[in-house]
Amino acid sequence: SYALSIKSYWAGEPRRGMERAWESIRLLGRASAGHWLGMAHMSLGLNSHLAGELNAALGAFGAATDVGRAINGSQTQSHSGYCTALVYADRADWDAALAACDAALGIARSPVTQATGSAVMGYLKLGIGQAEQAASLLAEGIESLERFGFRSLASRFMSSLAEANLASGDLASARKWADRALSVASDD
């Protein structure tokens, strides 16, 4: 059910994904399957966020964080923290978004979660008008994510980097990153 929930998320079917995530949570909760239970809560949060149910998304990401703490899983905690930050950003609650991202960065242990955190923090800095700092963080995150083979994830931040460069007055870099974002999106 977890795999089907994530598949529903990527297919743009969040309601179906939420149903499948709840089924996974029910089944995995009985089995005490820590990591996978955390991932099922993450899937519920992602699908809820996509459906525009921001309170439900925050609750699901909070549950994922709790599972991560219980199993000493820094990756689960950091990823749920980044997702929480993005939900707060959608609400324009920038203080909460920055605090959630900063806390997640503080526990990120793997280079991939650190790179993701850098990119998310860059996105948030762009949201509060700090374009130059945003561009630096986004470029750092994108470079690392691509180096680790996470091209699709990196591409999600490329348009934000283009926007940050545009806001900073660097039109050539803005065009370059916008073109790259479009190219990668067309390839995927």
Protein backbone atom coordinates (compact mmCIF):
# COMPACT_ATOMS: atom_id res chain seq x y z
CA SER A 1 0.00 0.00 0.00
CA TYR A 2 2.87 2.40 0.74
CA ALA A 3 4.33 1.98 -2.75
CA LEU A 4 0.89 2.50 -4.27
CA SER A 5 0.41 5.61 -2.14
CA ILE A 6 3.65 7.13 -3.45
CA LYS A 7 2.73 6.10 -6.98
CA SER A 8 -0.60 7.91 -6.56
CA TYR A 9 1.25 11.02 -5.39
CA TRP A 10 3.48 11.06 -8.49
CA ALA A 11 0.44 10.37 -10.69
CA GLY A 12 -1.33 13.42 -9.27
CA GLU A 13 -4.01 11.36 -7.51
CA PRO A 14 -3.68 12.58 -3.93
CA ARG A 15 -7.05 11.32 -2.68
CA ARG A 16 -6.24 7.78 -3.75
CA GLY A 17 -2.76 8.22 -2.30
CA MET A 18 -4.19 9.33 1.05
CA GLU A 19 -6.46 6.28 1.20
CA ARG A 20 -3.55 3.97 0.45
CA ALA A 21 -1.32 5.72 2.98
CA TRP A 22 -3.94 5.31 5.71
CA GLU A 23 -4.18 1.61 4.84
CA SER A 24 -0.38 1.33 5.08
CA ILE A 25 -0.34 3.11 8.43
CA ARG A 26 -3.00 0.76 9.77
CA LEU A 27 -1.14 -2.35 8.59
CA LEU A 28 2.37 -1.20 9.49
CA GLY A 29 1.30 0.12 12.89
CA ARG A 30 0.31 -3.40 13.89
CA ALA A 31 3.63 -4.78 12.69
CA SER A 32 5.81 -2.20 14.48
CA ALA A 33 7.63 -1.61 11.19
CA GLY A 34 9.37 1.62 12.24
CA HIS A 35 11.06 2.95 9.11
CA TRP A 36 8.22 1.92 6.80
CA LEU A 37 5.62 3.32 9.18
CA GLY A 38 7.46 6.64 9.05
CA MET A 39 7.51 6.47 5.26
CA ALA A 40 3.76 5.76 5.19
CA HIS A 41 3.17 8.89 7.29
CA MET A 42 5.45 10.82 4.88
CA SER A 43 3.37 9.55 1.96
CA LEU A 44 0.19 10.64 3.72
CA GLY A 45 1.72 14.08 4.26
CA LEU A 46 2.85 14.43 0.65
CA ASN A 47 -0.55 13.42 -0.70
CA SER A 48 -2.37 15.66 1.81
CA HIS A 49 -0.15 18.60 0.83
CA LEU A 50 -0.83 17.95 -2.85
CA ALA A 51 -4.57 17.86 -2.11
CA GLY A 52 -4.31 21.23 -0.37
CA GLU A 53 -5.11 19.77 3.05
CA LEU A 54 -2.35 21.61 4.85
CA ASN A 55 -3.41 20.81 8.42
CA ALA A 56 -3.58 17.10 7.57
CA ALA A 57 -0.16 17.35 5.90
CA LEU A 58 1.35 18.96 8.99
CA GLY A 59 -0.17 16.24 11.17
CA ALA A 60 1.20 13.48 8.95
CA PHE A 61 4.68 15.00 8.80
CA GLY A 62 4.58 15.41 12.58
CA ALA A 63 3.72 11.72 12.93
CA ALA A 64 6.61 10.83 10.60
CA THR A 65 8.95 12.91 12.76
CA ASP A 66 7.69 11.10 15.87
CA VAL A 67 8.36 7.72 14.27
CA GLY A 68 11.81 8.94 13.22
CA ARG A 69 12.59 9.94 16.80
CA ALA A 70 11.35 6.60 18.12
CA ILE A 71 13.62 4.63 15.78
CA ASN A 72 16.49 7.14 15.92
CA GLY A 73 16.03 7.77 12.21
CA SER A 74 17.58 11.13 11.39
CA GLN A 75 16.73 10.77 7.69
CA THR A 76 13.01 10.36 8.39
CA GLN A 77 13.10 13.28 10.82
CA SER A 78 14.99 15.59 8.49
CA HIS A 79 12.86 14.83 5.43
CA SER A 80 9.64 15.31 7.37
CA GLY A 81 11.06 18.58 8.69
CA TYR A 82 11.76 19.84 5.17
CA CYS A 83 8.27 18.86 4.07
CA THR A 84 6.83 20.62 7.11
CA ALA A 85 8.79 23.74 6.14
CA LEU A 86 7.31 23.65 2.63
CA VAL A 87 3.77 23.40 4.00
CA TYR A 88 4.39 26.41 6.23
CA ALA A 89 5.82 28.25 3.21
CA ASP A 90 2.58 27.57 1.34
CA ARG A 91 0.81 29.29 4.22
CA ALA A 92 3.32 32.16 4.04
CA ASP A 93 4.25 31.40 7.67
CA TRP A 94 7.89 32.12 6.98
CA ASP A 95 9.07 32.08 10.60
CA ALA A 96 7.67 28.57 11.13
CA ALA A 97 9.00 27.43 7.74
CA LEU A 98 12.52 28.67 8.46
CA ALA A 99 12.47 27.17 11.97
CA ALA A 100 11.32 23.77 10.67
CA CYS A 101 13.96 23.74 7.94
CA ASP A 102 16.70 24.88 10.31
CA ALA A 103 15.78 22.14 12.81
CA ALA A 104 15.81 19.54 10.04
CA LEU A 105 19.21 20.74 8.82
CA GLY A 106 20.47 20.39 12.38
CA ILE A 107 19.78 16.65 12.40
CA ALA A 108 20.55 15.85 8.75
CA ARG A 109 23.36 13.32 8.64
CA SER A 110 23.57 12.10 5.07
CA PRO A 111 24.92 14.27 2.26
CA VAL A 112 21.63 13.83 0.39
CA THR A 113 19.49 15.11 3.28
CA GLN A 114 21.93 17.99 3.78
CA ALA A 115 21.74 18.89 0.08
CA THR A 116 17.94 18.71 0.17
CA GLY A 117 17.95 20.96 3.23
CA SER A 118 20.19 23.50 1.52
CA ALA A 119 17.85 23.64 -1.47
CA VAL A 120 14.72 23.93 0.69
CA MET A 121 16.34 26.68 2.77
CA GLY A 122 17.22 28.48 -0.47
CA TYR A 123 13.60 28.23 -1.61
CA LEU A 124 12.48 29.68 1.73
CA LYS A 125 15.02 32.52 1.56
CA LEU A 126 13.66 33.38 -1.88
CA GLY A 127 10.19 33.52 -0.36
CA ILE A 128 11.27 36.15 2.15
CA GLY A 129 13.09 38.25 -0.44
CA GLN A 130 16.69 37.25 0.27
CA ALA A 131 17.47 36.45 -3.36
CA GLU A 132 21.27 36.39 -3.23
CA GLN A 133 21.38 34.08 -0.23
CA ALA A 134 18.66 31.99 -1.86
CA ALA A 135 20.66 31.64 -5.07
CA SER A 136 23.75 30.48 -3.20
CA LEU A 137 21.86 27.86 -1.16
CA LEU A 138 19.86 26.64 -4.14
CA ALA A 139 22.97 26.30 -6.34
CA GLU A 140 24.76 24.36 -3.59
CA GLY A 141 21.80 22.02 -3.08
CA ILE A 142 21.22 21.46 -6.80
CA GLU A 143 24.90 20.72 -7.47
CA SER A 144 25.04 18.15 -4.68
CA LEU A 145 21.74 16.50 -5.56
CA GLU A 146 22.83 16.12 -9.17
CA ARG A 147 26.21 14.73 -8.11
CA PHE A 148 24.41 12.10 -6.01
CA GLY A 149 22.16 11.14 -8.93
CA PHE A 150 18.98 12.87 -7.75
CA ARG A 151 18.44 14.81 -10.97
CA SER A 152 14.65 14.84 -10.70
CA LEU A 153 14.76 16.25 -7.17
CA ALA A 154 17.38 18.79 -8.19
CA SER A 155 15.23 19.89 -11.11
CA ARG A 156 12.43 20.86 -8.74
CA PHE A 157 14.66 23.63 -7.39
CA MET A 158 16.08 24.86 -10.72
CA SER A 159 13.19 27.19 -11.49
CA SER A 160 13.55 28.69 -8.00
CA LEU A 161 17.23 29.27 -8.69
CA ALA A 162 16.30 30.98 -11.96
CA GLU A 163 13.87 33.18 -10.05
CA ALA A 164 16.49 34.01 -7.39
CA ASN A 165 19.00 34.98 -10.08
CA LEU A 166 16.40 37.13 -11.80
CA ALA A 167 15.58 38.90 -8.54
CA SER A 168 19.32 39.47 -7.99
CA GLY A 169 19.65 41.03 -11.45
CA ASP A 170 21.70 38.17 -12.97
CA LEU A 171 19.68 37.73 -16.15
CA ALA A 172 22.15 35.37 -17.86
CA SER A 173 22.10 32.92 -14.93
CA ALA A 174 18.33 33.25 -14.63
CA ARG A 175 17.92 32.26 -18.28
CA LYS A 176 20.42 29.40 -17.94
CA TRP A 177 18.61 27.88 -14.95
CA ALA A 178 15.16 28.41 -16.45
CA ASP A 179 16.31 26.64 -19.62
CA ARG A 180 17.82 23.79 -17.58
CA ALA A 181 14.64 23.41 -15.53
CA LEU A 182 12.56 23.22 -18.68
CA SER A 183 14.97 20.76 -20.30
CA VAL A 184 15.01 18.41 -17.31
CA ALA A 185 11.23 18.61 -16.93
CA SER A 186 10.85 17.74 -20.62
CA ASP A 187 13.18 14.73 -20.20
CA ASP A 188 11.37 13.31 -17.14
